[in-house]
Amino acid sequence: GLHLGSFAEEEACSWVKVKVPQWAGDDVGILELVRHLKCYPLTVALAAEHARCDKTATPGKYLEMLKLAGHTRAKGPKTMENYPECFSDVVKLSLDTILLSDKAYGEDAGQALRKMALMD
């Protein structure tokens, strides 16, 4: 398969700053978050988009929610060997947000995404 490397820390931070304008000025928090995400491009992009859409106040708050999602993750065998473990936490947090949404399509969209995530 195609192997994608990680962003450099500076590149990952720049991406987040552009995508999540409400975090402007919180350079330390953004750096801590991208380090937790291993600077993996798909993980950084998904986390940034979720934080922007959900209007998460700070990178620290997002990281707190992300760690909570990780604690509730099933502790079974790992099947995503090409992805850092934090990727599944970002996906879980995003899906949980969709499922808990008060939007009419939230539950259907969340269920469809969960099923798609199981496809190989």
Foldseek 3Di string as FASTA:
>chain_A
DDADDADDLVVLLVVLCVLAVLAPPVSVLSSVLCVVQVRHVVQSVLLSNLCNVVVPNYSVSSVVQLVVLVVPDDPDDDDCVRHPPSSVSSVSSSLVCLCPDPDPCSVVVSVVVVVVVPDD
